[in-house]
Amino acid sequence: MKQICMDCYTLEEFLKELIPLLQPLLSKQSIEVKSNDVLTRKQAAEKLNITLSTLNTWTKQQRITAYRQGSRIYYKEEELLASLKEVNHKHYKKVSIKN
């Protein structure tokens, strides 16, 4: 295993050498995060145009799948949109507006 001599570099020189080595790893990680499109509770509620309490109720009713990281709750955007169901408008009455 190679050993690094930290006394040989100034901080600026060390960072100049380290950053190009880390760039490929950082770019791969950011691509993976973007593909998942993870939303916080607040972002998910705003996306669905509902309150946080409604989001909590739907999560408990298992209408929406939630993911936990420590004490935080997250939602996947694609799963939120997939959970929406198409409405059959034939069962609703048309309301006519009279002047």
PDB file of N, CA and C in Angstrom:
ATOM      1  N   MET A   1       0.841  -1.177   0.000  1.00  0.00           N
ATOM      2  CA  MET A   1       0.000   0.000   0.000  1.00  0.00           C
ATOM      3  C   MET A   1       0.886   1.240   0.000  1.00  0.00           C
ATOM      4  N   LYS A   2       0.505   2.225  -0.809  1.00  0.00           N
ATOM      5  CA  LYS A   2       1.271   3.462  -0.881  1.00  0.00           C
ATOM      6  C   LYS A   2       1.033   4.302   0.355  1.00  0.00           C
ATOM      7  N   GLN A   3       2.059   5.004   0.773  1.00  0.00           N
ATOM      8  CA  GLN A   3       1.936   5.940   1.883  1.00  0.00           C
ATOM      9  C   GLN A   3       2.023   7.358   1.331  1.00  0.00           C
ATOM     10  N   ILE A   4       1.289   8.232   1.945  1.00  0.00           N
ATOM     11  CA  ILE A   4       1.277   9.627   1.518  1.00  0.00           C
ATOM     12  C   ILE A   4       2.083  10.441   2.514  1.00  0.00           C
ATOM     13  N   CYS A   5       2.998  11.216   1.992  1.00  0.00           N
ATOM     14  CA  CYS A   5       3.816  12.096   2.825  1.00  0.00           C
ATOM     15  C   CYS A   5       3.153  13.465   2.845  1.00  0.00           C
ATOM     16  N   MET A   6       2.458  13.770   3.916  1.00  0.00           N
ATOM     17  CA  MET A   6       1.732  15.035   4.014  1.00  0.00           C
ATOM     18  C   MET A   6       2.671  16.223   4.238  1.00  0.00           C
ATOM     19  N   ASP A   7       3.867  15.974   4.739  1.00  0.00           N
ATOM     20  CA  ASP A   7       4.810  17.062   4.980  1.00  0.00           C
ATOM     21  C   ASP A   7       5.381  17.606   3.674  1.00  0.00           C
ATOM     22  N   CYS A   8       5.235  16.841   2.601  1.00  0.00           N
ATOM     23  CA  CYS A   8       5.814  17.228   1.321  1.00  0.00           C
ATOM     24  C   CYS A   8       4.954  18.236   0.558  1.00  0.00           C
ATOM     25  N   TYR A   9       3.676  18.389   0.942  1.00  0.00           N
ATOM     26  CA  TYR A   9       2.744  19.229   0.199  1.00  0.00           C
ATOM     27  C   TYR A   9       2.209  20.356   1.073  1.00  0.00           C
ATOM     28  N   THR A  10       1.937  21.462   0.428  1.00  0.00           N
ATOM     29  CA  THR A  10       1.137  22.496   1.088  1.00  0.00           C
ATOM     30  C   THR A  10      -0.325  22.091   0.888  1.00  0.00           C
ATOM     31  N   LEU A  11      -1.229  22.716   1.596  1.00  0.00           N
ATOM     32  CA  LEU A  11      -2.643  22.387   1.464  1.00  0.00           C
ATOM     33  C   LEU A  11      -3.124  22.627   0.039  1.00  0.00           C
ATOM     34  N   GLU A  12      -2.711  23.709  -0.573  1.00  0.00           N
ATOM     35  CA  GLU A  12      -3.128  24.025  -1.938  1.00  0.00           C
ATOM     36  C   GLU A  12      -2.622  22.980  -2.929  1.00  0.00           C
ATOM     37  N   GLU A  13      -1.389  22.557  -2.770  1.00  0.00           N
ATOM     38  CA  GLU A  13      -0.820  21.537  -3.658  1.00  0.00           C
ATOM     39  C   GLU A  13      -1.536  20.201  -3.474  1.00  0.00           C
ATOM     40  N   PHE A  14      -1.833  19.869  -2.243  1.00  0.00           N
ATOM     41  CA  PHE A  14      -2.522  18.607  -1.958  1.00  0.00           C
ATOM     42  C   PHE A  14      -3.913  18.598  -2.595  1.00  0.00           C
ATOM     43  N   LEU A  15      -4.664  19.687  -2.432  1.00  0.00           N
ATOM     44  CA  LEU A  15      -5.998  19.774  -3.028  1.00  0.00           C
ATOM     45  C   LEU A  15      -5.932  19.757  -4.548  1.00  0.00           C
ATOM     46  N   LYS A  16      -4.916  20.406  -5.101  1.00  0.00           N
ATOM     47  CA  LYS A  16      -4.746  20.439  -6.557  1.00  0.00           C
ATOM     48  C   LYS A  16      -4.551  19.026  -7.106  1.00  0.00           C
ATOM     49  N   GLU A  17      -3.875  18.176  -6.359  1.00  0.00           N
ATOM     50  CA  GLU A  17      -3.650  16.793  -6.780  1.00  0.00           C
ATOM     51  C   GLU A  17      -4.855  15.899  -6.480  1.00  0.00           C
ATOM     52  N   LEU A  18      -5.554  16.173  -5.396  1.00  0.00           N
ATOM     53  CA  LEU A  18      -6.641  15.310  -4.935  1.00  0.00           C
ATOM     54  C   LEU A  18      -7.936  15.494  -5.726  1.00  0.00           C
ATOM     55  N   ILE A  19      -8.288  16.723  -6.039  1.00  0.00           N
ATOM     56  CA  ILE A  19      -9.565  17.006  -6.696  1.00  0.00           C
ATOM     57  C   ILE A  19      -9.718  16.281  -8.037  1.00  0.00           C
ATOM     58  N   PRO A  20      -8.726  16.272  -8.929  1.00  0.00           N
ATOM     59  CA  PRO A  20      -8.907  15.522 -10.186  1.00  0.00           C
ATOM     60  C   PRO A  20      -9.111  14.023  -9.965  1.00  0.00           C
ATOM     61  N   LEU A  21      -8.548  13.480  -8.903  1.00  0.00           N
ATOM     62  CA  LEU A  21      -8.735  12.061  -8.607  1.00  0.00           C
ATOM     63  C   LEU A  21     -10.147  11.759  -8.112  1.00  0.00           C
ATOM     64  N   LEU A  22     -10.764  12.713  -7.437  1.00  0.00           N
ATOM     65  CA  LEU A  22     -12.101  12.509  -6.878  1.00  0.00           C
ATOM     66  C   LEU A  22     -13.223  12.869  -7.849  1.00  0.00           C
ATOM     67  N   GLN A  23     -12.941  13.649  -8.876  1.00  0.00           N
ATOM     68  CA  GLN A  23     -13.977  14.101  -9.816  1.00  0.00           C
ATOM     69  C   GLN A  23     -14.792  12.952 -10.418  1.00  0.00           C
ATOM     70  N   PRO A  24     -14.167  11.873 -10.916  1.00  0.00           N
ATOM     71  CA  PRO A  24     -14.985  10.786 -11.487  1.00  0.00           C
ATOM     72  C   PRO A  24     -15.927  10.156 -10.463  1.00  0.00           C
ATOM     73  N   LEU A  25     -15.485  10.014  -9.237  1.00  0.00           N
ATOM     74  CA  LEU A  25     -16.338   9.442  -8.205  1.00  0.00           C
ATOM     75  C   LEU A  25     -17.495  10.362  -7.854  1.00  0.00           C
ATOM     76  N   LEU A  26     -17.231  11.647  -7.776  1.00  0.00           N
ATOM     77  CA  LEU A  26     -18.274  12.600  -7.442  1.00  0.00           C
ATOM     78  C   LEU A  26     -19.309  12.718  -8.549  1.00  0.00           C
ATOM     79  N   SER A  27     -18.894  12.692  -9.789  1.00  0.00           N
ATOM     80  CA  SER A  27     -19.850  12.812 -10.894  1.00  0.00           C
ATOM     81  C   SER A  27     -20.726  11.574 -10.994  1.00  0.00           C
ATOM     82  N   LYS A  28     -20.188  10.383 -10.732  1.00  0.00           N
ATOM     83  CA  LYS A  28     -21.005   9.166 -10.742  1.00  0.00           C
ATOM     84  C   LYS A  28     -22.050   9.208  -9.647  1.00  0.00           C
ATOM     85  N   GLN A  29     -21.670   9.668  -8.456  1.00  0.00           N
ATOM     86  CA  GLN A  29     -22.593   9.727  -7.340  1.00  0.00           C
ATOM     87  C   GLN A  29     -23.721  10.712  -7.608  1.00  0.00           C
ATOM     88  N   SER A  30     -23.439  11.849  -8.194  1.00  0.00           N
ATOM     89  CA  SER A  30     -24.483  12.827  -8.460  1.00  0.00           C
ATOM     90  C   SER A  30     -25.458  12.318  -9.520  1.00  0.00           C
ATOM     91  N   ILE A  31     -24.998  11.534 -10.471  1.00  0.00           N
ATOM     92  CA  ILE A  31     -25.885  10.954 -11.478  1.00  0.00           C
ATOM     93  C   ILE A  31     -26.845   9.974 -10.838  1.00  0.00           C
ATOM     94  N   GLU A  32     -26.364   9.148  -9.909  1.00  0.00           N
ATOM     95  CA  GLU A  32     -27.221   8.184  -9.242  1.00  0.00           C
ATOM     96  C   GLU A  32     -28.306   8.874  -8.428  1.00  0.00           C
ATOM     97  N   VAL A  33     -27.977   9.934  -7.741  1.00  0.00           N
ATOM     98  CA  VAL A  33     -28.952  10.661  -6.936  1.00  0.00           C
ATOM     99  C   VAL A  33     -30.012  11.286  -7.825  1.00  0.00           C
ATOM    100  N   LYS A  34     -29.611  11.843  -8.971  1.00  0.00           N
ATOM    101  CA  LYS A  34     -30.569  12.460  -9.879  1.00  0.00           C
ATOM    102  C   LYS A  34     -31.534  11.432 -10.454  1.00  0.00           C
ATOM    103  N   SER A  35     -31.074  10.206 -10.700  1.00  0.00           N
ATOM    104  CA  SER A  35     -31.953   9.213 -11.289  1.00  0.00           C
ATOM    105  C   SER A  35     -33.030   8.768 -10.311  1.00  0.00           C
ATOM    106  N   ASN A  36     -32.757   8.840  -9.020  1.00  0.00           N
ATOM    107  CA  ASN A  36     -33.753   8.439  -8.034  1.00  0.00           C
ATOM    108  C   ASN A  36     -34.761   9.540  -7.751  1.00  0.00           C
ATOM    109  N   ASP A  37     -34.367  10.806  -7.873  1.00  0.00           N
ATOM    110  CA  ASP A  37     -35.233  11.943  -7.599  1.00  0.00           C
ATOM    111  C   ASP A  37     -35.978  11.786  -6.279  1.00  0.00           C
ATOM    112  N   VAL A  38     -35.233  11.821  -5.194  1.00  0.00           N
ATOM    113  CA  VAL A  38     -35.785  11.660  -3.861  1.00  0.00           C
ATOM    114  C   VAL A  38     -36.288  13.005  -3.363  1.00  0.00           C
ATOM    115  N   LEU A  39     -37.492  13.009  -2.790  1.00  0.00           N
ATOM    116  CA  LEU A  39     -38.113  14.232  -2.301  1.00  0.00           C
ATOM    117  C   LEU A  39     -38.299  14.160  -0.788  1.00  0.00           C
ATOM    118  N   THR A  40     -38.187  15.301  -0.125  1.00  0.00           N
ATOM    119  CA  THR A  40     -38.506  15.381   1.292  1.00  0.00           C
ATOM    120  C   THR A  40     -40.018  15.386   1.453  1.00  0.00           C
ATOM    121  N   ARG A  41     -40.498  15.326   2.691  1.00  0.00           N
ATOM    122  CA  ARG A  41     -41.937  15.351   2.940  1.00  0.00           C
ATOM    123  C   ARG A  41     -42.552  16.643   2.397  1.00  0.00           C
ATOM    124  N   LYS A  42     -41.880  17.751   2.655  1.00  0.00           N
ATOM    125  CA  LYS A  42     -42.409  19.047   2.212  1.00  0.00           C
ATOM    126  C   LYS A  42     -42.462  19.120   0.689  1.00  0.00           C
ATOM    127  N   GLN A  43     -41.405  18.661   0.024  1.00  0.00           N
ATOM    128  CA  GLN A  43     -41.372  18.681  -1.444  1.00  0.00           C
ATOM    129  C   GLN A  43     -42.441  17.760  -2.020  1.00  0.00           C
ATOM    130  N   ALA A  44     -42.634  16.591  -1.399  1.00  0.00           N
ATOM    131  CA  ALA A  44     -43.644  15.645  -1.883  1.00  0.00           C
ATOM    132  C   ALA A  44     -45.046  16.231  -1.735  1.00  0.00           C
ATOM    133  N   ALA A  45     -45.316  16.866  -0.604  1.00  0.00           N
ATOM    134  CA  ALA A  45     -46.630  17.478  -0.389  1.00  0.00           C
ATOM    135  C   ALA A  45     -46.877  18.599  -1.393  1.00  0.00           C
ATOM    136  N   GLU A  46     -45.866  19.407  -1.654  1.00  0.00           N
ATOM    137  CA  GLU A  46     -46.008  20.483  -2.635  1.00  0.00           C
ATOM    138  C   GLU A  46     -46.230  19.923  -4.034  1.00  0.00           C
ATOM    139  N   LYS A  47     -45.527  18.842  -4.361  1.00  0.00           N
ATOM    140  CA  LYS A  47     -45.655  18.225  -5.689  1.00  0.00           C
ATOM    141  C   LYS A  47     -47.083  17.723  -5.919  1.00  0.00           C
ATOM    142  N   LEU A  48     -47.693  17.151  -4.861  1.00  0.00           N
ATOM    143  CA  LEU A  48     -49.050  16.617  -4.969  1.00  0.00           C
ATOM    144  C   LEU A  48     -50.117  17.655  -4.630  1.00  0.00           C
ATOM    145  N   ASN A  49     -49.666  18.855  -4.204  1.00  0.00           N
ATOM    146  CA  ASN A  49     -50.581  19.933  -3.827  1.00  0.00           C
ATOM    147  C   ASN A  49     -51.507  19.505  -2.685  1.00  0.00           C
ATOM    148  N   ILE A  50     -50.916  18.895  -1.653  1.00  0.00           N
ATOM    149  CA  ILE A  50     -51.645  18.462  -0.471  1.00  0.00           C
ATOM    150  C   ILE A  50     -50.909  18.957   0.775  1.00  0.00           C
ATOM    151  N   THR A  51     -51.553  18.820   1.936  1.00  0.00           N
ATOM    152  CA  THR A  51     -50.911  19.219   3.183  1.00  0.00           C
ATOM    153  C   THR A  51     -50.026  18.091   3.696  1.00  0.00           C
ATOM    154  N   LEU A  52     -49.162  18.430   4.656  1.00  0.00           N
ATOM    155  CA  LEU A  52     -48.288  17.420   5.245  1.00  0.00           C
ATOM    156  C   LEU A  52     -49.085  16.370   6.011  1.00  0.00           C
ATOM    157  N   SER A  53     -50.191  16.783   6.632  1.00  0.00           N
ATOM    158  CA  SER A  53     -51.013  15.807   7.358  1.00  0.00           C
ATOM    159  C   SER A  53     -51.684  14.817   6.399  1.00  0.00           C
ATOM    160  N   THR A  54     -52.114  15.301   5.239  1.00  0.00           N
ATOM    161  CA  THR A  54     -52.686  14.402   4.228  1.00  0.00           C
ATOM    162  C   THR A  54     -51.623  13.438   3.717  1.00  0.00           C
ATOM    163  N   LEU A  55     -50.429  13.940   3.493  1.00  0.00           N
ATOM    164  CA  LEU A  55     -49.328  13.089   3.061  1.00  0.00           C
ATOM    165  C   LEU A  55     -49.048  12.010   4.102  1.00  0.00           C
ATOM    166  N   ASN A  56     -49.068  12.396   5.378  1.00  0.00           N
ATOM    167  CA  ASN A  56     -48.859  11.438   6.460  1.00  0.00           C
ATOM    168  C   ASN A  56     -49.961  10.376   6.475  1.00  0.00           C
ATOM    169  N   THR A  57     -51.202  10.801   6.292  1.00  0.00           N
ATOM    170  CA  THR A  57     -52.333   9.868   6.264  1.00  0.00           C
ATOM    171  C   THR A  57     -52.197   8.891   5.100  1.00  0.00           C
ATOM    172  N   TRP A  58     -51.893   9.396   3.930  1.00  0.00           N
ATOM    173  CA  TRP A  58     -51.750   8.535   2.758  1.00  0.00           C
ATOM    174  C   TRP A  58     -50.594   7.553   2.928  1.00  0.00           C
ATOM    175  N   THR A  59     -49.536   7.987   3.614  1.00  0.00           N
ATOM    176  CA  THR A  59     -48.403   7.097   3.864  1.00  0.00           C
ATOM    177  C   THR A  59     -48.827   5.983   4.811  1.00  0.00           C
ATOM    178  N   LYS A  60     -49.556   6.324   5.876  1.00  0.00           N
ATOM    179  CA  LYS A  60     -50.022   5.311   6.827  1.00  0.00           C
ATOM    180  C   LYS A  60     -51.012   4.352   6.185  1.00  0.00           C
ATOM    181  N   GLN A  61     -51.816   4.848   5.236  1.00  0.00           N
ATOM    182  CA  GLN A  61     -52.772   4.010   4.515  1.00  0.00           C
ATOM    183  C   GLN A  61     -52.102   3.211   3.395  1.00  0.00           C
ATOM    184  N   GLN A  62     -50.807   3.399   3.234  1.00  0.00           N
ATOM    185  CA  GLN A  62     -49.984   2.736   2.222  1.00  0.00           C
ATOM    186  C   GLN A  62     -50.421   3.061   0.800  1.00  0.00           C
ATOM    187  N   ARG A  63     -50.996   4.236   0.613  1.00  0.00           N
ATOM    188  CA  ARG A  63     -51.283   4.722  -0.743  1.00  0.00           C
ATOM    189  C   ARG A  63     -49.988   5.184  -1.404  1.00  0.00           C
ATOM    190  N   ILE A  64     -49.042   5.658  -0.569  1.00  0.00           N
ATOM    191  CA  ILE A  64     -47.756   6.163  -1.030  1.00  0.00           C
ATOM    192  C   ILE A  64     -46.664   5.462  -0.231  1.00  0.00           C
ATOM    193  N   THR A  65     -45.583   5.084  -0.901  1.00  0.00           N
ATOM    194  CA  THR A  65     -44.464   4.436  -0.235  1.00  0.00           C
ATOM    195  C   THR A  65     -43.465   5.481   0.235  1.00  0.00           C
ATOM    196  N   ALA A  66     -43.074   5.385   1.503  1.00  0.00           N
ATOM    197  CA  ALA A  66     -42.100   6.310   2.081  1.00  0.00           C
ATOM    198  C   ALA A  66     -40.828   5.534   2.419  1.00  0.00           C
ATOM    199  N   TYR A  67     -39.715   6.238   2.450  1.00  0.00           N
ATOM    200  CA  TYR A  67     -38.414   5.653   2.776  1.00  0.00           C
ATOM    201  C   TYR A  67     -37.803   6.452   3.922  1.00  0.00           C
ATOM    202  N   ARG A  68     -37.188   5.744   4.852  1.00  0.00           N
ATOM    203  CA  ARG A  68     -36.613   6.392   6.031  1.00  0.00           C
ATOM    204  C   ARG A  68     -35.097   6.326   5.972  1.00  0.00           C
ATOM    205  N   GLN A  69     -34.467   7.457   6.271  1.00  0.00           N
ATOM    206  CA  GLN A  69     -33.014   7.538   6.444  1.00  0.00           C
ATOM    207  C   GLN A  69     -32.809   8.191   7.801  1.00  0.00           C
ATOM    208  N   GLY A  70     -32.521   7.398   8.807  1.00  0.00           N
ATOM    209  CA  GLY A  70     -32.433   7.924  10.160  1.00  0.00           C
ATOM    210  C   GLY A  70     -33.817   8.344  10.612  1.00  0.00           C
ATOM    211  N   SER A  71     -33.975   9.586  11.013  1.00  0.00           N
ATOM    212  CA  SER A  71     -35.286  10.075  11.441  1.00  0.00           C
ATOM    213  C   SER A  71     -36.009  10.829  10.326  1.00  0.00           C
ATOM    214  N   ARG A  72     -35.412  10.896   9.156  1.00  0.00           N
ATOM    215  CA  ARG A  72     -36.013  11.644   8.036  1.00  0.00           C
ATOM    216  C   ARG A  72     -36.789  10.706   7.111  1.00  0.00           C
ATOM    217  N   ILE A  73     -37.853  11.245   6.534  1.00  0.00           N
ATOM    218  CA  ILE A  73     -38.706  10.492   5.614  1.00  0.00           C
ATOM    219  C   ILE A  73     -38.531  11.072   4.220  1.00  0.00           C
ATOM    220  N   TYR A  74     -38.397  10.187   3.242  1.00  0.00           N
ATOM    221  CA  TYR A  74     -38.237  10.604   1.849  1.00  0.00           C
ATOM    222  C   TYR A  74     -39.212   9.839   0.961  1.00  0.00           C
ATOM    223  N   TYR A  75     -39.490  10.401  -0.187  1.00  0.00           N
ATOM    224  CA  TYR A  75     -40.364   9.798  -1.180  1.00  0.00           C
ATOM    225  C   TYR A  75     -39.677   9.843  -2.534  1.00  0.00           C
ATOM    226  N   LYS A  76     -39.899   8.814  -3.348  1.00  0.00           N
ATOM    227  CA  LYS A  76     -39.374   8.817  -4.711  1.00  0.00           C
ATOM    228  C   LYS A  76     -40.409   9.468  -5.619  1.00  0.00           C
ATOM    229  N   GLU A  77     -39.942  10.421  -6.417  1.00  0.00           N
ATOM    230  CA  GLU A  77     -40.860  11.197  -7.264  1.00  0.00           C
ATOM    231  C   GLU A  77     -41.632  10.303  -8.231  1.00  0.00           C
ATOM    232  N   GLU A  78     -40.944   9.363  -8.851  1.00  0.00           N
ATOM    233  CA  GLU A  78     -41.625   8.502  -9.826  1.00  0.00           C
ATOM    234  C   GLU A  78     -42.706   7.658  -9.160  1.00  0.00           C
ATOM    235  N   GLU A  79     -42.492   7.241  -7.913  1.00  0.00           N
ATOM    236  CA  GLU A  79     -43.509   6.457  -7.204  1.00  0.00           C
ATOM    237  C   GLU A  79     -44.694   7.324  -6.797  1.00  0.00           C
ATOM    238  N   LEU A  80     -44.430   8.587  -6.458  1.00  0.00           N
ATOM    239  CA  LEU A  80     -45.535   9.501  -6.140  1.00  0.00           C
ATOM    240  C   LEU A  80     -46.444   9.666  -7.349  1.00  0.00           C
ATOM    241  N   LEU A  81     -45.849   9.919  -8.493  1.00  0.00           N
ATOM    242  CA  LEU A  81     -46.639  10.122  -9.704  1.00  0.00           C
ATOM    243  C   LEU A  81     -47.345   8.839 -10.132  1.00  0.00           C
ATOM    244  N   ALA A  82     -46.699   7.695  -9.905  1.00  0.00           N
ATOM    245  CA  ALA A  82     -47.310   6.419 -10.260  1.00  0.00           C
ATOM    246  C   ALA A  82     -48.483   6.081  -9.336  1.00  0.00           C
ATOM    247  N   SER A  83     -48.480   6.623  -8.128  1.00  0.00           N
ATOM    248  CA  SER A  83     -49.553   6.328  -7.178  1.00  0.00           C
ATOM    249  C   SER A  83     -50.847   7.061  -7.524  1.00  0.00           C
ATOM    250  N   LEU A  84     -50.756   8.081  -8.355  1.00  0.00           N
ATOM    251  CA  LEU A  84     -51.962   8.796  -8.767  1.00  0.00           C
ATOM    252  C   LEU A  84     -52.785   7.908  -9.693  1.00  0.00           C
ATOM    253  N   LYS A  85     -54.080   7.903  -9.492  1.00  0.00           N
ATOM    254  CA  LYS A  85     -54.960   7.059 -10.296  1.00  0.00           C
ATOM    255  C   LYS A  85     -55.798   7.913 -11.230  1.00  0.00           C
ATOM    256  N   GLU A  86     -56.114   7.365 -12.368  1.00  0.00           N
ATOM    257  CA  GLU A  86     -56.944   8.067 -13.335  1.00  0.00           C
ATOM    258  C   GLU A  86     -58.376   8.106 -12.830  1.00  0.00           C
ATOM    259  N   VAL A  87     -59.018   9.221 -13.040  1.00  0.00           N
ATOM    260  CA  VAL A  87     -60.393   9.403 -12.593  1.00  0.00           C
ATOM    261  C   VAL A  87     -61.322   9.138 -13.765  1.00  0.00           C
ATOM    262  N   ASN A  88     -62.355   8.333 -13.506  1.00  0.00           N
ATOM    263  CA  ASN A  88     -63.363   8.062 -14.521  1.00  0.00           C
ATOM    264  C   ASN A  88     -64.441   9.133 -14.397  1.00  0.00           C
ATOM    265  N   HIS A  89     -64.493  10.048 -15.340  1.00  0.00           N
ATOM    266  CA  HIS A  89     -65.390  11.189 -15.261  1.00  0.00           C
ATOM    267  C   HIS A  89     -66.845  10.839 -15.563  1.00  0.00           C
ATOM    268  N   LYS A  90     -67.118   9.645 -16.022  1.00  0.00           N
ATOM    269  CA  LYS A  90     -68.488   9.251 -16.341  1.00  0.00           C
ATOM    270  C   LYS A  90     -69.364   9.186 -15.093  1.00  0.00           C
ATOM    271  N   HIS A  91     -68.751   8.960 -13.946  1.00  0.00           N
ATOM    272  CA  HIS A  91     -69.511   8.814 -12.707  1.00  0.00           C
ATOM    273  C   HIS A  91     -69.802  10.140 -12.025  1.00  0.00           C
ATOM    274  N   TYR A  92     -69.274  11.226 -12.544  1.00  0.00           N
ATOM    275  CA  TYR A  92     -69.496  12.533 -11.955  1.00  0.00           C
ATOM    276  C   TYR A  92     -70.534  13.298 -12.757  1.00  0.00           C
ATOM    277  N   LYS A  93     -71.382  14.030 -12.040  1.00  0.00           N
ATOM    278  CA  LYS A  93     -72.402  14.825 -12.709  1.00  0.00           C
ATOM    279  C   LYS A  93     -71.791  16.125 -13.202  1.00  0.00           C
ATOM    280  N   LYS A  94     -72.253  16.550 -14.344  1.00  0.00           N
ATOM    281  CA  LYS A  94     -71.813  17.836 -14.871  1.00  0.00           C
ATOM    282  C   LYS A  94     -72.631  18.931 -14.202  1.00  0.00           C
ATOM    283  N   VAL A  95     -71.957  19.962 -13.818  1.00  0.00           N
ATOM    284  CA  VAL A  95     -72.637  21.096 -13.183  1.00  0.00           C
ATOM    285  C   VAL A  95     -72.689  22.217 -14.196  1.00  0.00           C
ATOM    286  N   SER A  96     -73.899  22.650 -14.489  1.00  0.00           N
ATOM    287  CA  SER A  96     -74.036  23.759 -15.429  1.00  0.00           C
ATOM    288  C   SER A  96     -74.184  25.048 -14.658  1.00  0.00           C
ATOM    289  N   ILE A  97     -73.526  26.065 -15.132  1.00  0.00           N
ATOM    290  CA  ILE A  97     -73.555  27.373 -14.477  1.00  0.00           C
ATOM    291  C   ILE A  97     -74.529  28.256 -15.232  1.00  0.00           C
ATOM    292  N   LYS A  98     -75.526  28.766 -14.497  1.00  0.00           N
ATOM    293  CA  LYS A  98     -76.539  29.626 -15.107  1.00  0.00           C
ATOM    294  C   LYS A  98     -76.242  31.077 -14.772  1.00  0.00           C
ATOM    295  N   ASN A  99     -76.392  31.921 -15.729  1.00  0.00           N
ATOM    296  CA  ASN A  99     -76.153  33.365 -15.521  1.00  0.00           C
ATOM    297  C   ASN A  99     -77.309  34.032 -14.860  1.00  0.00           C
TER     298      ASN A  99
END
